């Protein structure tokens, strides 16, 4: 899997809107407004739907 990148300010706000702590998640893919996230410690993935 590709390494994750630190989220931008707007991505952090999107994570907060769905109840995730942005300090624990990295963005590894952005497709059509969707954020594909990977957890820093466990490696689990989540997808946040776009607008």
N, C-alpha and C. Protein backbone atom coordinates (compact mmCIF):
# COMPACT_ATOMS: atom_id res chain seq x y z
N UNK A 1 0.83 -1.17 0.00
CA UNK A 1 0.00 0.00 0.00
C UNK A 1 0.88 1.24 0.00
N UNK A 2 0.40 2.27 -0.64
CA UNK A 2 1.13 3.53 -0.71
C UNK A 2 1.14 4.19 0.67
N UNK A 3 2.20 4.93 0.94
CA UNK A 3 2.30 5.65 2.20
C UNK A 3 1.27 6.77 2.24
N UNK A 4 0.79 7.07 3.42
CA UNK A 4 -0.18 8.13 3.58
C UNK A 4 0.49 9.48 3.77
N UNK A 5 -0.25 10.54 3.46
CA UNK A 5 0.22 11.91 3.63
C UNK A 5 -0.58 12.59 4.73
N UNK A 6 0.03 13.59 5.36
CA UNK A 6 -0.68 14.35 6.38
C UNK A 6 -1.86 15.08 5.73
N UNK A 7 -2.99 15.13 6.40
CA UNK A 7 -4.16 15.79 5.82
C UNK A 7 -4.04 17.31 5.83
N UNK A 8 -4.66 17.94 4.83
CA UNK A 8 -4.71 19.40 4.77
C UNK A 8 -5.78 19.90 5.75
N UNK A 9 -5.87 21.21 5.87
CA UNK A 9 -6.83 21.78 6.81
C UNK A 9 -8.27 21.40 6.46
N UNK A 10 -8.62 21.47 5.18
CA UNK A 10 -9.98 21.13 4.77
C UNK A 10 -10.25 19.63 4.95
N UNK A 11 -9.23 18.80 4.75
CA UNK A 11 -9.40 17.37 4.97
C UNK A 11 -9.58 17.06 6.46
N UNK A 12 -8.87 17.80 7.30
CA UNK A 12 -9.03 17.64 8.75
C UNK A 12 -10.45 17.99 9.17
N UNK A 13 -11.01 19.04 8.57
CA UNK A 13 -12.38 19.43 8.90
C UNK A 13 -13.37 18.36 8.45
N UNK A 14 -13.12 17.73 7.30
CA UNK A 14 -13.98 16.66 6.82
C UNK A 14 -13.92 15.45 7.76
N UNK A 15 -12.73 15.15 8.27
CA UNK A 15 -12.59 14.04 9.21
C UNK A 15 -13.33 14.33 10.51
N UNK A 16 -13.21 15.56 10.99
CA UNK A 16 -13.89 15.95 12.22
C UNK A 16 -15.40 15.86 12.06
N UNK A 17 -15.91 16.17 10.86
CA UNK A 17 -17.35 16.13 10.59
C UNK A 17 -17.91 14.72 10.72
N UNK A 18 -17.08 13.71 10.43
CA UNK A 18 -17.56 12.33 10.55
C UNK A 18 -17.11 11.67 11.85
N UNK A 19 -16.47 12.46 12.74
CA UNK A 19 -16.14 11.96 14.06
C UNK A 19 -14.79 11.26 14.18
N UNK A 20 -13.87 11.55 13.27
CA UNK A 20 -12.54 10.94 13.34
C UNK A 20 -11.53 11.96 13.86
N UNK A 21 -10.54 11.48 14.58
CA UNK A 21 -9.46 12.33 15.06
C UNK A 21 -8.40 12.41 13.96
N UNK A 22 -8.19 13.59 13.42
CA UNK A 22 -7.28 13.75 12.28
C UNK A 22 -5.83 13.45 12.64
N UNK A 23 -5.49 13.46 13.92
CA UNK A 23 -4.12 13.16 14.34
C UNK A 23 -3.79 11.68 14.14
N UNK A 24 -4.82 10.84 14.04
CA UNK A 24 -4.61 9.40 13.93
C UNK A 24 -4.71 8.86 12.50
N UNK A 25 -5.07 9.70 11.54
CA UNK A 25 -5.34 9.22 10.19
C UNK A 25 -4.47 9.93 9.16
N UNK A 26 -4.07 9.21 8.11
CA UNK A 26 -3.32 9.75 6.99
C UNK A 26 -4.12 9.54 5.71
N UNK A 27 -3.98 10.45 4.77
CA UNK A 27 -4.68 10.36 3.48
C UNK A 27 -3.76 9.64 2.50
N UNK A 28 -4.25 8.52 1.92
CA UNK A 28 -3.42 7.84 0.94
C UNK A 28 -4.00 7.89 -0.46
N UNK A 29 -5.24 8.38 -0.60
CA UNK A 29 -5.82 8.49 -1.94
C UNK A 29 -6.97 9.49 -1.90
N UNK A 30 -7.10 10.30 -2.97
CA UNK A 30 -8.22 11.23 -3.13
C UNK A 30 -8.83 10.96 -4.50
N UNK A 31 -10.05 10.46 -4.53
CA UNK A 31 -10.71 10.14 -5.80
C UNK A 31 -12.11 10.74 -5.79
N UNK A 32 -12.40 11.61 -6.75
CA UNK A 32 -13.72 12.22 -6.91
C UNK A 32 -14.27 12.78 -5.61
N UNK A 33 -13.43 13.44 -4.84
CA UNK A 33 -13.87 14.04 -3.59
C UNK A 33 -13.87 13.09 -2.40
N UNK A 34 -13.71 11.80 -2.64
CA UNK A 34 -13.64 10.83 -1.54
C UNK A 34 -12.24 10.83 -0.95
N UNK A 35 -12.16 10.70 0.35
CA UNK A 35 -10.88 10.57 1.03
C UNK A 35 -10.71 9.12 1.46
N UNK A 36 -9.62 8.53 1.05
CA UNK A 36 -9.27 7.18 1.48
C UNK A 36 -8.20 7.33 2.55
N UNK A 37 -8.52 6.89 3.75
CA UNK A 37 -7.66 7.11 4.90
C UNK A 37 -7.07 5.81 5.40
N UNK A 38 -5.90 5.90 6.00
CA UNK A 38 -5.26 4.77 6.65
C UNK A 38 -4.86 5.21 8.05
N UNK A 39 -5.12 4.34 9.04
CA UNK A 39 -4.80 4.67 10.43
C UNK A 39 -3.30 4.60 10.64
N UNK A 40 -2.75 5.53 11.39
CA UNK A 40 -1.31 5.62 11.61
C UNK A 40 -0.74 4.40 12.31
N UNK A 41 -1.45 3.82 13.26
CA UNK A 41 -0.91 2.74 14.07
C UNK A 41 -1.36 1.36 13.63
N UNK A 42 -2.66 1.21 13.36
CA UNK A 42 -3.19 -0.12 13.07
C UNK A 42 -3.18 -0.49 11.60
N UNK A 43 -3.18 0.52 10.71
CA UNK A 43 -3.18 0.24 9.28
C UNK A 43 -4.56 0.01 8.69
N UNK A 44 -5.62 0.13 9.50
CA UNK A 44 -6.96 -0.03 8.97
C UNK A 44 -7.30 1.12 8.05
N UNK A 45 -8.22 0.88 7.11
CA UNK A 45 -8.57 1.90 6.13
C UNK A 45 -10.04 2.29 6.29
N UNK A 46 -10.35 3.52 5.93
CA UNK A 46 -11.72 4.04 5.90
C UNK A 46 -11.87 4.93 4.68
N UNK A 47 -13.10 5.06 4.22
CA UNK A 47 -13.40 5.94 3.10
C UNK A 47 -14.44 6.95 3.56
N UNK A 48 -14.13 8.23 3.36
CA UNK A 48 -15.07 9.30 3.68
C UNK A 48 -15.68 9.76 2.36
N UNK A 49 -17.01 9.68 2.23
CA UNK A 49 -17.64 10.10 0.98
C UNK A 49 -17.46 11.59 0.73
N UNK A 50 -17.46 11.97 -0.55
CA UNK A 50 -17.27 13.36 -0.94
C UNK A 50 -18.55 14.15 -0.84
N UNK A 51 -18.47 15.38 -1.33
CA UNK A 51 -19.62 16.29 -1.25
C UNK A 51 -20.73 15.81 -2.08
